Amino acid sequence: MSASWDPDKEGSALGAEDAGEFSENMQILGEGFRKATLEEDYEKALEARNERRKLLEAKEKKKTELLNK
């Protein structure tokens, strides 16, 4: 069993014998966490944008109704 995350490369048991291998593994882990965090923030931003859009549409509809009276 190898700790190498590159399927074409045989790694050491813990990925620590080669400092470069360990560094690469930690970089991959960090990128995964960053992407997960960014995705969550992105989804929240989309929800907020959709809510603002709904409120603006309701406001415009009400404004049109009042002007047409």
PDB file of N, CA and C in Angstrom:
ATOM      1  N   MET A   1       0.844  -1.182   0.000  1.00  0.00           N
ATOM      2  CA  MET A   1       0.000   0.000   0.000  1.00  0.00           C
ATOM      3  C   MET A   1       0.888   1.243   0.000  1.00  0.00           C
ATOM      4  N   SER A   2       0.455   2.239  -0.732  1.00  0.00           N
ATOM      5  CA  SER A   2       1.262   3.440  -0.875  1.00  0.00           C
ATOM      6  C   SER A   2       0.456   4.661  -0.487  1.00  0.00           C
ATOM      7  N   ALA A   3       1.128   5.656   0.063  1.00  0.00           N
ATOM      8  CA  ALA A   3       0.466   6.920   0.397  1.00  0.00           C
ATOM      9  C   ALA A   3       0.516   7.896  -0.766  1.00  0.00           C
ATOM     10  N   SER A   4       1.149   7.497  -1.856  1.00  0.00           N
ATOM     11  CA  SER A   4       1.221   8.393  -3.003  1.00  0.00           C
ATOM     12  C   SER A   4      -0.164   8.562  -3.595  1.00  0.00           C
ATOM     13  N   TRP A   5      -0.549   9.805  -3.863  1.00  0.00           N
ATOM     14  CA  TRP A   5      -1.873  10.084  -4.422  1.00  0.00           C
ATOM     15  C   TRP A   5      -1.828  10.146  -5.928  1.00  0.00           C
ATOM     16  N   ASP A   6      -0.668   9.939  -6.471  1.00  0.00           N
ATOM     17  CA  ASP A   6      -0.511   9.866  -7.912  1.00  0.00           C
ATOM     18  C   ASP A   6      -0.583   8.393  -8.286  1.00  0.00           C
ATOM     19  N   PRO A   7      -1.623   7.968  -8.999  1.00  0.00           N
ATOM     20  CA  PRO A   7      -1.789   6.544  -9.288  1.00  0.00           C
ATOM     21  C   PRO A   7      -0.657   5.961 -10.129  1.00  0.00           C
ATOM     22  N   ASP A   8       0.086   6.792 -10.836  1.00  0.00           N
ATOM     23  CA  ASP A   8       1.183   6.300 -11.665  1.00  0.00           C
ATOM     24  C   ASP A   8       2.516   6.273 -10.926  1.00  0.00           C
ATOM     25  N   LYS A   9       2.519   6.647  -9.653  1.00  0.00           N
ATOM     26  CA  LYS A   9       3.766   6.757  -8.894  1.00  0.00           C
ATOM     27  C   LYS A   9       3.668   5.933  -7.619  1.00  0.00           C
ATOM     28  N   GLU A  10       4.652   5.083  -7.393  1.00  0.00           N
ATOM     29  CA  GLU A  10       4.710   4.297  -6.160  1.00  0.00           C
ATOM     30  C   GLU A  10       5.254   5.187  -5.055  1.00  0.00           C
ATOM     31  N   GLY A  11       4.543   5.277  -3.953  1.00  0.00           N
ATOM     32  CA  GLY A  11       4.976   6.133  -2.852  1.00  0.00           C
ATOM     33  C   GLY A  11       5.414   5.316  -1.658  1.00  0.00           C
ATOM     34  N   SER A  12       5.876   5.992  -0.649  1.00  0.00           N
ATOM     35  CA  SER A  12       6.278   5.318   0.581  1.00  0.00           C
ATOM     36  C   SER A  12       5.035   5.035   1.422  1.00  0.00           C
ATOM     37  N   ALA A  13       5.192   4.257   2.463  1.00  0.00           N
ATOM     38  CA  ALA A  13       4.055   3.831   3.284  1.00  0.00           C
ATOM     39  C   ALA A  13       3.294   5.000   3.897  1.00  0.00           C
ATOM     40  N   LEU A  14       3.991   6.004   4.370  1.00  0.00           N
ATOM     41  CA  LEU A  14       3.332   7.147   4.990  1.00  0.00           C
ATOM     42  C   LEU A  14       3.464   8.426   4.177  1.00  0.00           C
ATOM     43  N   GLY A  15       4.117   8.341   3.076  1.00  0.00           N
ATOM     44  CA  GLY A  15       4.315   9.532   2.261  1.00  0.00           C
ATOM     45  C   GLY A  15       5.326  10.487   2.849  1.00  0.00           C
ATOM     46  N   ALA A  16       6.140  10.000   3.785  1.00  0.00           N
ATOM     47  CA  ALA A  16       7.060  10.891   4.488  1.00  0.00           C
ATOM     48  C   ALA A  16       8.521  10.637   4.143  1.00  0.00           C
ATOM     49  N   GLU A  17       8.826   9.534   3.460  1.00  0.00           N
ATOM     50  CA  GLU A  17      10.222   9.250   3.137  1.00  0.00           C
ATOM     51  C   GLU A  17      10.778  10.271   2.153  1.00  0.00           C
ATOM     52  N   ASP A  18       9.932  10.733   1.276  1.00  0.00           N
ATOM     53  CA  ASP A  18      10.332  11.736   0.296  1.00  0.00           C
ATOM     54  C   ASP A  18       9.626  13.033   0.677  1.00  0.00           C
ATOM     55  N   ALA A  19      10.383  14.043   1.045  1.00  0.00           N
ATOM     56  CA  ALA A  19       9.782  15.306   1.479  1.00  0.00           C
ATOM     57  C   ALA A  19       8.903  15.897   0.388  1.00  0.00           C
ATOM     58  N   GLY A  20       9.282  15.734  -0.853  1.00  0.00           N
ATOM     59  CA  GLY A  20       8.486  16.247  -1.961  1.00  0.00           C
ATOM     60  C   GLY A  20       7.130  15.565  -2.034  1.00  0.00           C
ATOM     61  N   GLU A  21       7.126  14.246  -1.798  1.00  0.00           N
ATOM     62  CA  GLU A  21       5.872  13.489  -1.823  1.00  0.00           C
ATOM     63  C   GLU A  21       4.943  13.978  -0.716  1.00  0.00           C
ATOM     64  N   PHE A  22       5.471  14.155   0.473  1.00  0.00           N
ATOM     65  CA  PHE A  22       4.666  14.623   1.604  1.00  0.00           C
ATOM     66  C   PHE A  22       4.128  16.022   1.319  1.00  0.00           C
ATOM     67  N   SER A  23       4.977  16.869   0.795  1.00  0.00           N
ATOM     68  CA  SER A  23       4.575  18.234   0.466  1.00  0.00           C
ATOM     69  C   SER A  23       3.455  18.233  -0.569  1.00  0.00           C
ATOM     70  N   GLU A  24       3.583  17.404  -1.588  1.00  0.00           N
ATOM     71  CA  GLU A  24       2.547  17.301  -2.616  1.00  0.00           C
ATOM     72  C   GLU A  24       1.232  16.828  -2.003  1.00  0.00           C
ATOM     73  N   ASN A  25       1.317  15.820  -1.133  1.00  0.00           N
ATOM     74  CA  ASN A  25       0.110  15.296  -0.486  1.00  0.00           C
ATOM     75  C   ASN A  25      -0.578  16.372   0.347  1.00  0.00           C
ATOM     76  N   MET A  26       0.196  17.151   1.089  1.00  0.00           N
ATOM     77  CA  MET A  26      -0.378  18.207   1.917  1.00  0.00           C
ATOM     78  C   MET A  26      -0.985  19.308   1.053  1.00  0.00           C
ATOM     79  N   GLN A  27      -0.353  19.594  -0.074  1.00  0.00           N
ATOM     80  CA  GLN A  27      -0.876  20.601  -1.000  1.00  0.00           C
ATOM     81  C   GLN A  27      -2.229  20.142  -1.553  1.00  0.00           C
ATOM     82  N   ILE A  28      -2.327  18.873  -1.922  1.00  0.00           N
ATOM     83  CA  ILE A  28      -3.581  18.325  -2.441  1.00  0.00           C
ATOM     84  C   ILE A  28      -4.669  18.398  -1.370  1.00  0.00           C
ATOM     85  N   LEU A  29      -4.320  18.064  -0.137  1.00  0.00           N
ATOM     86  CA  LEU A  29      -5.289  18.153   0.970  1.00  0.00           C
ATOM     87  C   LEU A  29      -5.763  19.593   1.154  1.00  0.00           C
ATOM     88  N   GLY A  30      -4.818  20.521   1.170  1.00  0.00           N
ATOM     89  CA  GLY A  30      -5.158  21.938   1.349  1.00  0.00           C
ATOM     90  C   GLY A  30      -6.059  22.444   0.237  1.00  0.00           C
ATOM     91  N   GLU A  31      -5.767  22.070  -0.991  1.00  0.00           N
ATOM     92  CA  GLU A  31      -6.599  22.491  -2.126  1.00  0.00           C
ATOM     93  C   GLU A  31      -8.013  21.947  -1.994  1.00  0.00           C
ATOM     94  N   GLY A  32      -8.130  20.714  -1.535  1.00  0.00           N
ATOM     95  CA  GLY A  32      -9.451  20.110  -1.339  1.00  0.00           C
ATOM     96  C   GLY A  32     -10.263  20.874  -0.305  1.00  0.00           C
ATOM     97  N   PHE A  33      -9.638  21.231   0.797  1.00  0.00           N
ATOM     98  CA  PHE A  33     -10.340  21.993   1.837  1.00  0.00           C
ATOM     99  C   PHE A  33     -10.732  23.379   1.337  1.00  0.00           C
ATOM    100  N   ARG A  34      -9.830  24.028   0.607  1.00  0.00           N
ATOM    101  CA  ARG A  34     -10.135  25.360   0.072  1.00  0.00           C
ATOM    102  C   ARG A  34     -11.310  25.301  -0.899  1.00  0.00           C
ATOM    103  N   LYS A  35     -11.304  24.309  -1.784  1.00  0.00           N
ATOM    104  CA  LYS A  35     -12.399  24.172  -2.752  1.00  0.00           C
ATOM    105  C   LYS A  35     -13.723  23.927  -2.046  1.00  0.00           C
ATOM    106  N   ALA A  36     -13.711  23.091  -1.017  1.00  0.00           N
ATOM    107  CA  ALA A  36     -14.942  22.810  -0.275  1.00  0.00           C
ATOM    108  C   ALA A  36     -15.462  24.072   0.398  1.00  0.00           C
ATOM    109  N   THR A  37     -14.578  24.859   0.971  1.00  0.00           N
ATOM    110  CA  THR A  37     -14.965  26.108   1.629  1.00  0.00           C
ATOM    111  C   THR A  37     -15.497  27.110   0.612  1.00  0.00           C
ATOM    112  N   LEU A  38     -14.809  27.241  -0.508  1.00  0.00           N
ATOM    113  CA  LEU A  38     -15.246  28.177  -1.536  1.00  0.00           C
ATOM    114  C   LEU A  38     -16.599  27.780  -2.112  1.00  0.00           C
ATOM    115  N   GLU A  39     -16.808  26.484  -2.270  1.00  0.00           N
ATOM    116  CA  GLU A  39     -18.084  26.010  -2.815  1.00  0.00           C
ATOM    117  C   GLU A  39     -19.228  26.372  -1.875  1.00  0.00           C
ATOM    118  N   GLU A  40     -19.021  26.211  -0.580  1.00  0.00           N
ATOM    119  CA  GLU A  40     -20.045  26.560   0.402  1.00  0.00           C
ATOM    120  C   GLU A  40     -20.342  28.062   0.360  1.00  0.00           C
ATOM    121  N   ASP A  41     -19.297  28.876   0.306  1.00  0.00           N
ATOM    122  CA  ASP A  41     -19.465  30.336   0.226  1.00  0.00           C
ATOM    123  C   ASP A  41     -20.181  30.723  -1.063  1.00  0.00           C
ATOM    124  N   TYR A  42     -19.842  30.062  -2.152  1.00  0.00           N
ATOM    125  CA  TYR A  42     -20.463  30.339  -3.442  1.00  0.00           C
ATOM    126  C   TYR A  42     -21.961  30.023  -3.395  1.00  0.00           C
ATOM    127  N   GLU A  43     -22.313  28.882  -2.804  1.00  0.00           N
ATOM    128  CA  GLU A  43     -23.727  28.503  -2.698  1.00  0.00           C
ATOM    129  C   GLU A  43     -24.501  29.506  -1.844  1.00  0.00           C
ATOM    130  N   LYS A  44     -23.894  29.972  -0.752  1.00  0.00           N
ATOM    131  CA  LYS A  44     -24.545  30.974   0.093  1.00  0.00           C
ATOM    132  C   LYS A  44     -24.749  32.278  -0.676  1.00  0.00           C
ATOM    133  N   ALA A  45     -23.755  32.673  -1.448  1.00  0.00           N
ATOM    134  CA  ALA A  45     -23.861  33.900  -2.240  1.00  0.00           C
ATOM    135  C   ALA A  45     -24.967  33.773  -3.288  1.00  0.00           C
ATOM    136  N   LEU A  46     -25.095  32.613  -3.910  1.00  0.00           N
ATOM    137  CA  LEU A  46     -26.164  32.403  -4.887  1.00  0.00           C
ATOM    138  C   LEU A  46     -27.544  32.479  -4.233  1.00  0.00           C
ATOM    139  N   GLU A  47     -27.659  31.894  -3.053  1.00  0.00           N
ATOM    140  CA  GLU A  47     -28.934  31.955  -2.328  1.00  0.00           C
ATOM    141  C   GLU A  47     -29.300  33.402  -2.000  1.00  0.00           C
ATOM    142  N   ALA A  48     -28.331  34.168  -1.513  1.00  0.00           N
ATOM    143  CA  ALA A  48     -28.576  35.575  -1.175  1.00  0.00           C
ATOM    144  C   ALA A  48     -28.954  36.366  -2.432  1.00  0.00           C
ATOM    145  N   ARG A  49     -28.282  36.094  -3.519  1.00  0.00           N
ATOM    146  CA  ARG A  49     -28.579  36.788  -4.784  1.00  0.00           C
ATOM    147  C   ARG A  49     -29.997  36.471  -5.253  1.00  0.00           C
ATOM    148  N   ASN A  50     -30.380  35.207  -5.171  1.00  0.00           N
ATOM    149  CA  ASN A  50     -31.730  34.814  -5.577  1.00  0.00           C
ATOM    150  C   ASN A  50     -32.786  35.459  -4.691  1.00  0.00           C
ATOM    151  N   GLU A  51     -32.505  35.557  -3.407  1.00  0.00           N
ATOM    152  CA  GLU A  51     -33.445  36.197  -2.479  1.00  0.00           C
ATOM    153  C   GLU A  51     -33.592  37.682  -2.804  1.00  0.00           C
ATOM    154  N   ARG A  52     -32.468  38.348  -3.057  1.00  0.00           N
ATOM    155  CA  ARG A  52     -32.525  39.774  -3.430  1.00  0.00           C
ATOM    156  C   ARG A  52     -33.295  39.968  -4.738  1.00  0.00           C
ATOM    157  N   ARG A  53     -33.096  39.063  -5.676  1.00  0.00           N
ATOM    158  CA  ARG A  53     -33.792  39.150  -6.958  1.00  0.00           C
ATOM    159  C   ARG A  53     -35.311  39.014  -6.757  1.00  0.00           C
ATOM    160  N   LYS A  54     -35.715  38.080  -5.908  1.00  0.00           N
ATOM    161  CA  LYS A  54     -37.146  37.894  -5.617  1.00  0.00           C
ATOM    162  C   LYS A  54     -37.735  39.141  -4.963  1.00  0.00           C
ATOM    163  N   LEU A  55     -37.002  39.716  -4.018  1.00  0.00           N
ATOM    164  CA  LEU A  55     -37.479  40.928  -3.348  1.00  0.00           C
ATOM    165  C   LEU A  55     -37.599  42.090  -4.331  1.00  0.00           C
ATOM    166  N   LEU A  56     -36.637  42.232  -5.212  1.00  0.00           N
ATOM    167  CA  LEU A  56     -36.669  43.299  -6.206  1.00  0.00           C
ATOM    168  C   LEU A  56     -37.846  43.104  -7.172  1.00  0.00           C
ATOM    169  N   GLU A  57     -38.074  41.865  -7.588  1.00  0.00           N
ATOM    170  CA  GLU A  57     -39.205  41.591  -8.479  1.00  0.00           C
ATOM    171  C   GLU A  57     -40.530  41.912  -7.799  1.00  0.00           C
ATOM    172  N   ALA A  58     -40.665  41.551  -6.526  1.00  0.00           N
ATOM    173  CA  ALA A  58     -41.884  41.845  -5.781  1.00  0.00           C
ATOM    174  C   ALA A  58     -42.071  43.357  -5.642  1.00  0.00           C
ATOM    175  N   LYS A  59     -40.986  44.073  -5.401  1.00  0.00           N
ATOM    176  CA  LYS A  59     -41.046  45.531  -5.268  1.00  0.00           C
ATOM    177  C   LYS A  59     -41.487  46.161  -6.585  1.00  0.00           C
ATOM    178  N   GLU A  60     -40.902  45.717  -7.686  1.00  0.00           N
ATOM    179  CA  GLU A  60     -41.263  46.250  -9.003  1.00  0.00           C
ATOM    180  C   GLU A  60     -42.718  45.936  -9.348  1.00  0.00           C
ATOM    181  N   LYS A  61     -43.171  44.751  -8.979  1.00  0.00           N
ATOM    182  CA  LYS A  61     -44.565  44.366  -9.240  1.00  0.00           C
ATOM    183  C   LYS A  61     -45.511  45.262  -8.454  1.00  0.00           C
ATOM    184  N   LYS A  62     -45.203  45.484  -7.198  1.00  0.00           N
ATOM    185  CA  LYS A  62     -46.023  46.348  -6.352  1.00  0.00           C
ATOM    186  C   LYS A  62     -46.027  47.780  -6.888  1.00  0.00           C
ATOM    187  N   LYS A  63     -44.879  48.262  -7.325  1.00  0.00           N
ATOM    188  CA  LYS A  63     -44.768  49.609  -7.880  1.00  0.00           C
ATOM    189  C   LYS A  63     -45.640  49.737  -9.125  1.00  0.00           C
ATOM    190  N   THR A  64     -45.614  48.740  -9.984  1.00  0.00           N
ATOM    191  CA  THR A  64     -46.428  48.745 -11.197  1.00  0.00           C
ATOM    192  C   THR A  64     -47.908  48.733 -10.853  1.00  0.00           C
ATOM    193  N   GLU A  65     -48.284  47.924  -9.866  1.00  0.00           N
ATOM    194  CA  GLU A  65     -49.695  47.865  -9.431  1.00  0.00           C
ATOM    195  C   GLU A  65     -50.170  49.226  -8.929  1.00  0.00           C
ATOM    196  N   LEU A  66     -49.349  49.897  -8.120  1.00  0.00           N
ATOM    197  CA  LEU A  66     -49.723  51.181  -7.572  1.00  0.00           C
ATOM    198  C   LEU A  66     -49.821  52.263  -8.660  1.00  0.00           C
ATOM    199  N   LEU A  67     -48.958  52.194  -9.654  1.00  0.00           N
ATOM    200  CA  LEU A  67     -48.988  53.178 -10.729  1.00  0.00           C
ATOM    201  C   LEU A  67     -50.176  52.965 -11.660  1.00  0.00           C
ATOM    202  N   ASN A  68     -50.681  51.754 -11.746  1.00  0.00           N
ATOM    203  CA  ASN A  68     -51.796  51.427 -12.638  1.00  0.00           C
ATOM    204  C   ASN A  68     -53.155  51.642 -11.977  1.00  0.00           C
ATOM    205  N   LYS A  69     -53.207  52.094 -10.745  1.00  0.00           N
ATOM    206  CA  LYS A  69     -54.500  52.319 -10.053  1.00  0.00           C
ATOM    207  C   LYS A  69     -55.137  53.561 -10.513  1.00  0.00           C
TER     208      LYS A  69
END
